[in-house]
Amino acid sequence: MGKYNRVVKRCDDGNKLTTDLMSLISERAELEKTFSKMLKNWSKKWSDYVAKCMRKKNDRFFVVILIDFLFYSLFLKHLNSVQ
């Protein structure tokens, strides 16, 4: 009877683990979806400005730094909203 109980417990634990894993993956997919929407909106907002600045030689370095900074701040905002 003892071995039967261990097998049943192992099956129950496996089912719970699988359910938890499915939940984890589903939540991660929702986070990725939200983040991709945020990036798309961010890109729409800044693409014209970046394109205009990239035509001017003197502003290219500034634009690259600005893009990095804005992307990083968006990423941090996303992380804070997740927690």
C-alpha atoms as a PDB file:
ATOM      1  CA  MET A   1       0.000   0.000   0.000  1.00  0.00           C
ATOM      2  CA  GLY A   2       2.931   2.364   0.721  1.00  0.00           C
ATOM      3  CA  LYS A   3       4.275   2.171  -2.852  1.00  0.00           C
ATOM      4  CA  TYR A   4       0.812   2.838  -4.259  1.00  0.00           C
ATOM      5  CA  ASN A   5       0.507   6.011  -2.176  1.00  0.00           C
ATOM      6  CA  ARG A   6       3.910   7.225  -3.395  1.00  0.00           C
ATOM      7  CA  VAL A   7       2.892   6.650  -7.015  1.00  0.00           C
ATOM      8  CA  VAL A   8      -0.401   8.490  -6.520  1.00  0.00           C
ATOM      9  CA  LYS A   9       1.403  11.392  -4.801  1.00  0.00           C
ATOM     10  CA  ARG A  10       3.948  11.551  -7.611  1.00  0.00           C
ATOM     11  CA  CYS A  11       1.131  11.701 -10.181  1.00  0.00           C
ATOM     12  CA  ASP A  12      -0.674  14.424  -8.208  1.00  0.00           C
ATOM     13  CA  ASP A  13       2.561  16.410  -7.815  1.00  0.00           C
ATOM     14  CA  GLY A  14       3.277  16.054 -11.537  1.00  0.00           C
ATOM     15  CA  ASN A  15      -0.193  17.340 -12.377  1.00  0.00           C
ATOM     16  CA  LYS A  16       0.230  20.343 -10.064  1.00  0.00           C
ATOM     17  CA  LEU A  17       3.692  21.075 -11.475  1.00  0.00           C
ATOM     18  CA  THR A  18       2.360  20.934 -15.031  1.00  0.00           C
ATOM     19  CA  THR A  19      -0.527  23.252 -14.151  1.00  0.00           C
ATOM     20  CA  ASP A  20       1.853  25.711 -12.472  1.00  0.00           C
ATOM     21  CA  LEU A  21       4.203  25.598 -15.461  1.00  0.00           C
ATOM     22  CA  MET A  22       1.332  26.293 -17.861  1.00  0.00           C
ATOM     23  CA  SER A  23       0.301  29.259 -15.710  1.00  0.00           C
ATOM     24  CA  LEU A  24       3.876  30.574 -15.629  1.00  0.00           C
ATOM     25  CA  ILE A  25       4.212  30.380 -19.419  1.00  0.00           C
ATOM     26  CA  SER A  26       0.815  31.993 -19.935  1.00  0.00           C
ATOM     27  CA  GLU A  27       1.673  34.912 -17.634  1.00  0.00           C
ATOM     28  CA  ARG A  28       5.024  35.366 -19.370  1.00  0.00           C
ATOM     29  CA  ALA A  29       3.295  35.436 -22.758  1.00  0.00           C
ATOM     30  CA  GLU A  30       0.931  38.163 -21.540  1.00  0.00           C
ATOM     31  CA  LEU A  31       3.892  40.209 -20.267  1.00  0.00           C
ATOM     32  CA  GLU A  32       5.668  39.849 -23.610  1.00  0.00           C
ATOM     33  CA  LYS A  33       2.509  40.852 -25.456  1.00  0.00           C
ATOM     34  CA  THR A  34       2.062  43.962 -23.300  1.00  0.00           C
ATOM     35  CA  PHE A  35       5.700  44.912 -23.674  1.00  0.00           C
ATOM     36  CA  SER A  36       5.588  44.510 -27.460  1.00  0.00           C
ATOM     37  CA  LYS A  37       2.540  46.801 -27.618  1.00  0.00           C
ATOM     38  CA  MET A  38       4.401  49.368 -25.522  1.00  0.00           C
ATOM     39  CA  LEU A  39       7.401  49.165 -27.855  1.00  0.00           C
ATOM     40  CA  LYS A  40       5.196  49.548 -30.904  1.00  0.00           C
ATOM     41  CA  ASN A  41       3.550  52.666 -29.457  1.00  0.00           C
ATOM     42  CA  TRP A  42       6.932  54.042 -28.441  1.00  0.00           C
ATOM     43  CA  SER A  43       8.280  53.432 -31.924  1.00  0.00           C
ATOM     44  CA  LYS A  44       5.348  55.227 -33.539  1.00  0.00           C
ATOM     45  CA  LYS A  45       5.805  58.160 -31.185  1.00  0.00           C
ATOM     46  CA  TRP A  46       9.513  58.671 -31.864  1.00  0.00           C
ATOM     47  CA  SER A  47      10.127  57.348 -35.394  1.00  0.00           C
ATOM     48  CA  ASP A  48       9.424  60.628 -37.214  1.00  0.00           C
ATOM     49  CA  TYR A  49      11.635  62.587 -34.847  1.00  0.00           C
ATOM     50  CA  VAL A  50      14.492  60.105 -35.175  1.00  0.00           C
ATOM     51  CA  ALA A  51      14.210  60.012 -38.965  1.00  0.00           C
ATOM     52  CA  LYS A  52      14.294  63.805 -39.139  1.00  0.00           C
ATOM     53  CA  CYS A  53      17.309  64.034 -36.835  1.00  0.00           C
ATOM     54  CA  MET A  54      19.194  61.272 -38.618  1.00  0.00           C
ATOM     55  CA  ARG A  55      19.166  63.373 -41.797  1.00  0.00           C
ATOM     56  CA  LYS A  56      21.291  65.947 -39.987  1.00  0.00           C
ATOM     57  CA  LYS A  57      24.862  64.744 -39.540  1.00  0.00           C
ATOM     58  CA  ASN A  58      25.527  66.672 -36.341  1.00  0.00           C
ATOM     59  CA  ASP A  59      22.571  65.216 -34.458  1.00  0.00           C
ATOM     60  CA  ARG A  60      23.221  61.512 -35.116  1.00  0.00           C
ATOM     61  CA  PHE A  61      25.197  60.853 -31.961  1.00  0.00           C
ATOM     62  CA  PHE A  62      22.610  62.663 -29.850  1.00  0.00           C
ATOM     63  CA  VAL A  63      19.799  60.647 -31.428  1.00  0.00           C
ATOM     64  CA  VAL A  64      21.524  57.328 -30.735  1.00  0.00           C
ATOM     65  CA  ILE A  65      22.025  58.277 -27.085  1.00  0.00           C
ATOM     66  CA  LEU A  66      18.424  59.496 -26.861  1.00  0.00           C
ATOM     67  CA  ILE A  67      17.072  56.240 -28.315  1.00  0.00           C
ATOM     68  CA  ASP A  68      19.116  54.164 -25.869  1.00  0.00           C
ATOM     69  CA  PHE A  69      17.967  56.265 -22.936  1.00  0.00           C
ATOM     70  CA  LEU A  70      14.295  56.187 -23.948  1.00  0.00           C
ATOM     71  CA  PHE A  71      14.330  52.459 -24.619  1.00  0.00           C
ATOM     72  CA  TYR A  72      15.967  51.789 -21.252  1.00  0.00           C
ATOM     73  CA  SER A  73      13.478  54.023 -19.411  1.00  0.00           C
ATOM     74  CA  LEU A  74      10.581  52.268 -21.159  1.00  0.00           C
ATOM     75  CA  PHE A  75      12.024  48.922 -20.142  1.00  0.00           C
ATOM     76  CA  LEU A  76      12.349  50.053 -16.501  1.00  0.00           C
ATOM     77  CA  LYS A  77       8.785  51.384 -16.555  1.00  0.00           C
ATOM     78  CA  HIS A  78       7.602  48.001 -17.828  1.00  0.00           C
ATOM     79  CA  LEU A  79       9.525  46.162 -15.111  1.00  0.00           C
ATOM     80  CA  ASN A  80       8.044  48.383 -12.407  1.00  0.00           C
ATOM     81  CA  SER A  81       4.520  47.818 -13.702  1.00  0.00           C
ATOM     82  CA  VAL A  82       5.065  44.039 -13.561  1.00  0.00           C
ATOM     83  CA  GLN A  83       6.126  44.066  -9.921  1.00  0.00           C
END
